[in-house]
N, C-alpha and C. Protein backbone atom coordinates (compact mmCIF):
# COMPACT_ATOMS: atom_id res chain seq x y z
N MET A 1 0.98 -1.10 -0.15
CA MET A 1 0.02 0.13 0.02
C MET A 1 1.06 1.30 -0.18
N ASP A 2 0.68 2.25 -0.68
CA ASP A 2 1.52 3.39 -1.21
C ASP A 2 1.00 4.27 0.22
N LYS A 3 2.05 5.34 0.74
CA LYS A 3 1.90 5.68 1.83
C LYS A 3 0.52 7.12 1.45
N GLU A 4 -0.21 7.45 2.06
CA GLU A 4 -1.15 8.21 1.86
C GLU A 4 -0.57 9.79 3.05
N TYR A 5 -0.61 11.15 2.62
CA TYR A 5 -0.61 12.14 3.55
C TYR A 5 -1.43 12.69 3.24
N LEU A 6 -1.92 13.38 4.49
CA LEU A 6 -3.33 14.06 4.56
C LEU A 6 -3.15 15.53 5.00
N ASN A 7 -3.82 16.67 4.60
CA ASN A 7 -3.87 17.98 4.94
C ASN A 7 -4.74 18.18 6.38
N LYS A 8 -4.49 19.49 6.61
CA LYS A 8 -5.63 19.52 7.91
C LYS A 8 -7.20 19.66 7.65
N GLU A 9 -7.36 20.07 6.12
CA GLU A 9 -8.78 20.25 5.70
C GLU A 9 -9.27 18.59 5.52
N GLU A 10 -8.12 17.80 4.97
CA GLU A 10 -8.83 16.38 4.25
C GLU A 10 -9.04 15.99 5.85
N LEU A 11 -7.96 15.97 6.58
CA LEU A 11 -8.41 15.45 7.88
C LEU A 11 -9.64 15.63 8.85
N LEU A 12 -10.07 17.14 8.48
CA LEU A 12 -11.30 17.56 9.03
C LEU A 12 -12.37 16.94 8.36
N GLU A 13 -12.63 17.14 7.31
CA GLU A 13 -13.02 16.39 6.36
C GLU A 13 -13.82 14.65 6.99
N ARG A 14 -12.50 14.08 6.95
CA ARG A 14 -12.85 12.81 7.30
C ARG A 14 -13.37 12.76 8.80
N ILE A 15 -13.06 13.67 9.39
CA ILE A 15 -13.78 13.48 11.16
C ILE A 15 -15.07 14.08 10.87
N LYS A 16 -15.32 14.61 10.01
CA LYS A 16 -17.03 15.12 9.87
C LYS A 16 -17.67 13.92 9.45
N VAL A 17 -17.09 13.58 8.65
CA VAL A 17 -17.99 12.44 7.71
C VAL A 17 -18.07 11.43 8.76
N LEU A 18 -16.92 10.78 9.45
CA LEU A 18 -17.14 10.20 10.55
C LEU A 18 -18.12 10.27 11.55
N ASP A 19 -18.28 11.49 11.97
CA ASP A 19 -19.08 11.53 13.25
C ASP A 19 -20.31 11.57 12.67
N ASP A 20 -20.42 12.45 11.51
CA ASP A 20 -22.04 12.19 11.24
C ASP A 20 -22.83 11.09 11.07
N TRP A 21 -21.59 10.32 10.19
CA TRP A 21 -22.09 8.53 10.21
C TRP A 21 -22.33 8.08 11.37
N ILE A 22 -21.48 8.38 12.77
CA ILE A 22 -22.04 7.58 13.33
C ILE A 22 -23.11 8.29 14.39
N LEU A 23 -23.39 9.38 14.64
CA LEU A 23 -24.79 9.86 14.92
C LEU A 23 -25.61 9.17 13.95
N ASN A 24 -25.69 8.99 13.17
CA ASN A 24 -26.88 8.64 12.42
C ASN A 24 -26.85 6.89 12.04
N ASN A 25 -25.82 6.35 12.61
CA ASN A 25 -25.72 4.48 12.78
C ASN A 25 -25.34 4.34 13.97
N VAL A 26 -25.78 4.55 15.04
CA VAL A 26 -25.38 4.22 16.57
C VAL A 26 -25.25 3.12 16.60
N ASP A 27 -26.18 2.16 16.06
CA ASP A 27 -26.30 0.74 16.42
C ASP A 27 -25.84 -0.32 15.08
N ALA A 28 -25.05 0.37 14.30
CA ALA A 28 -24.41 -0.39 13.12
C ALA A 28 -22.98 -1.29 13.62
N PRO A 29 -22.72 -2.48 13.04
CA PRO A 29 -21.81 -3.36 13.59
C PRO A 29 -20.69 -2.56 13.38
N MET A 30 -20.64 -1.48 12.39
CA MET A 30 -19.14 -0.73 12.16
C MET A 30 -19.12 0.60 12.89
N SER A 31 -19.71 0.59 14.07
CA SER A 31 -19.95 1.99 14.84
C SER A 31 -18.84 2.03 15.67
N GLY A 32 -18.20 0.89 16.33
CA GLY A 32 -17.18 0.93 17.18
C GLY A 32 -15.96 1.16 16.43
N THR A 33 -15.77 0.54 15.40
CA THR A 33 -14.42 0.84 14.45
C THR A 33 -14.67 2.00 13.94
N ALA A 34 -15.92 2.62 13.51
CA ALA A 34 -15.69 4.46 13.13
C ALA A 34 -15.27 5.05 14.08
N ILE A 35 -15.88 4.89 15.28
CA ILE A 35 -15.37 5.69 16.87
C ILE A 35 -13.75 5.71 16.67
N ALA A 36 -13.46 4.52 16.75
CA ALA A 36 -12.06 4.42 16.95
C ALA A 36 -10.81 5.28 15.94
N GLU A 37 -11.85 5.00 14.85
CA GLU A 37 -10.87 5.66 13.70
C GLU A 37 -11.09 7.18 13.26
N LEU A 38 -12.62 7.79 14.29
CA LEU A 38 -12.67 8.80 14.71
C LEU A 38 -11.49 9.52 15.41
N PHE A 39 -11.28 8.86 16.56
CA PHE A 39 -10.37 9.21 17.57
C PHE A 39 -8.95 9.30 16.88
N TYR A 40 -8.49 8.25 15.87
CA TYR A 40 -7.41 8.19 15.26
C TYR A 40 -7.28 9.59 14.62
N TYR A 41 -8.01 10.02 13.51
CA TYR A 41 -7.93 11.32 12.88
C TYR A 41 -8.25 12.43 13.41
N THR A 42 -8.80 12.47 14.86
CA THR A 42 -8.67 13.63 15.81
C THR A 42 -7.43 13.81 16.12
N GLU A 43 -7.00 12.63 16.49
CA GLU A 43 -5.09 12.70 17.13
C GLU A 43 -4.49 13.01 16.00
N LEU A 44 -4.59 12.46 14.90
CA LEU A 44 -3.69 12.95 13.94
C LEU A 44 -3.96 14.65 13.36
N ALA A 45 -4.90 15.06 13.62
CA ALA A 45 -4.98 16.27 13.53
C ALA A 45 -4.43 17.33 14.37
N ASP A 46 -4.58 16.85 15.58
CA ASP A 46 -4.00 17.50 16.96
C ASP A 46 -2.50 17.63 16.54
N LYS A 47 -1.83 16.18 16.01
CA LYS A 47 -0.07 16.57 15.80
C LYS A 47 0.13 17.16 15.03
N LEU A 48 -0.70 17.39 13.96
CA LEU A 48 -0.53 17.83 12.74
C LEU A 48 -0.60 19.67 13.40
N ASP A 49 -1.32 19.95 14.10
CA ASP A 49 -1.52 21.24 14.67
C ASP A 49 0.00 21.92 15.61
N VAL A 50 0.29 20.88 16.19
CA VAL A 50 1.77 21.16 17.00
C VAL A 50 3.09 20.99 16.04
N SER A 51 2.93 20.33 14.89
CA SER A 51 4.18 20.00 14.25
C SER A 51 4.17 21.14 13.03
N SER A 52 5.31 21.54 12.64
CA SER A 52 5.71 22.64 11.51
C SER A 52 5.58 22.38 10.14
N SER A 53 4.45 20.90 10.19
CA SER A 53 4.47 20.69 8.87
C SER A 53 2.98 20.86 8.41
N GLU A 54 2.78 20.81 6.80
CA GLU A 54 1.38 21.09 6.07
C GLU A 54 0.69 19.92 6.30
N ILE A 55 1.43 18.78 6.26
CA ILE A 55 0.51 17.45 6.08
C ILE A 55 1.36 15.94 7.10
N ILE A 56 0.65 15.58 7.01
CA ILE A 56 0.82 14.26 8.08
C ILE A 56 0.87 12.87 7.28
N GLN A 57 1.38 11.98 7.55
CA GLN A 57 1.05 10.58 7.07
C GLN A 57 0.05 9.71 7.74
N ASN A 58 -1.02 9.33 6.82
CA ASN A 58 -2.11 8.69 7.19
C ASN A 58 -1.67 7.18 7.36
N SER A 59 -1.70 6.47 8.35
CA SER A 59 -1.35 5.14 8.93
C SER A 59 -2.69 4.49 9.59
N CYS A 60 -3.48 5.16 9.66
CA CYS A 60 -5.02 4.30 10.14
C CYS A 60 -4.96 3.11 9.63
N PRO A 61 -5.05 1.96 10.77
CA PRO A 61 -5.25 0.71 10.34
C PRO A 61 -6.45 0.29 9.60
N THR A 62 -7.58 0.99 10.07
CA THR A 62 -9.03 0.46 9.75
C THR A 62 -9.60 0.93 8.26
N GLN A 63 -9.41 2.16 8.13
CA GLN A 63 -9.59 3.06 7.05
C GLN A 63 -11.24 2.83 6.60
N ILE A 64 -12.11 2.80 7.46
CA ILE A 64 -13.82 2.45 7.44
C ILE A 64 -13.98 3.92 6.94
N TYR A 65 -13.50 4.90 6.93
CA TYR A 65 -13.73 6.29 6.33
C TYR A 65 -14.22 5.76 4.86
N GLN A 66 -13.16 4.98 4.03
CA GLN A 66 -13.56 4.66 2.66
C GLN A 66 -14.63 3.74 2.58
N GLN A 67 -15.07 2.69 3.30
CA GLN A 67 -15.96 2.42 3.43
C GLN A 67 -17.46 2.81 3.81
N ILE A 68 -17.16 3.31 4.46
CA ILE A 68 -18.76 4.19 4.76
C ILE A 68 -18.73 5.39 3.82
N GLY A 69 -17.77 5.51 3.01
CA GLY A 69 -17.97 6.78 2.22
C GLY A 69 -18.75 6.23 0.85
N ILE A 70 -18.70 5.03 0.64
CA ILE A 70 -19.75 4.46 -0.26
C ILE A 70 -21.17 4.21 -0.10
N HIS A 71 -21.36 4.35 1.28
CA HIS A 71 -22.64 4.50 1.97
C HIS A 71 -23.17 5.69 1.91
N ILE A 72 -22.56 6.75 2.06
CA ILE A 72 -23.20 8.22 2.16
C ILE A 72 -23.42 8.62 0.74
């Protein structure tokens, strides 16, 4: 898998999409994984805020964002 790099705007978009999906699908089987990924992206956004870089490497292990993006 190629390395993926995200900027602040891309991170915030993923956070928003995941948050909206979680709120609308609380009982879905993937909700726990989506919550974990939401926290992961939030942590990446925080790390990006304190760094001098404009991008950060995405090494999220679950990538549920891409799965639920199909459903949205």
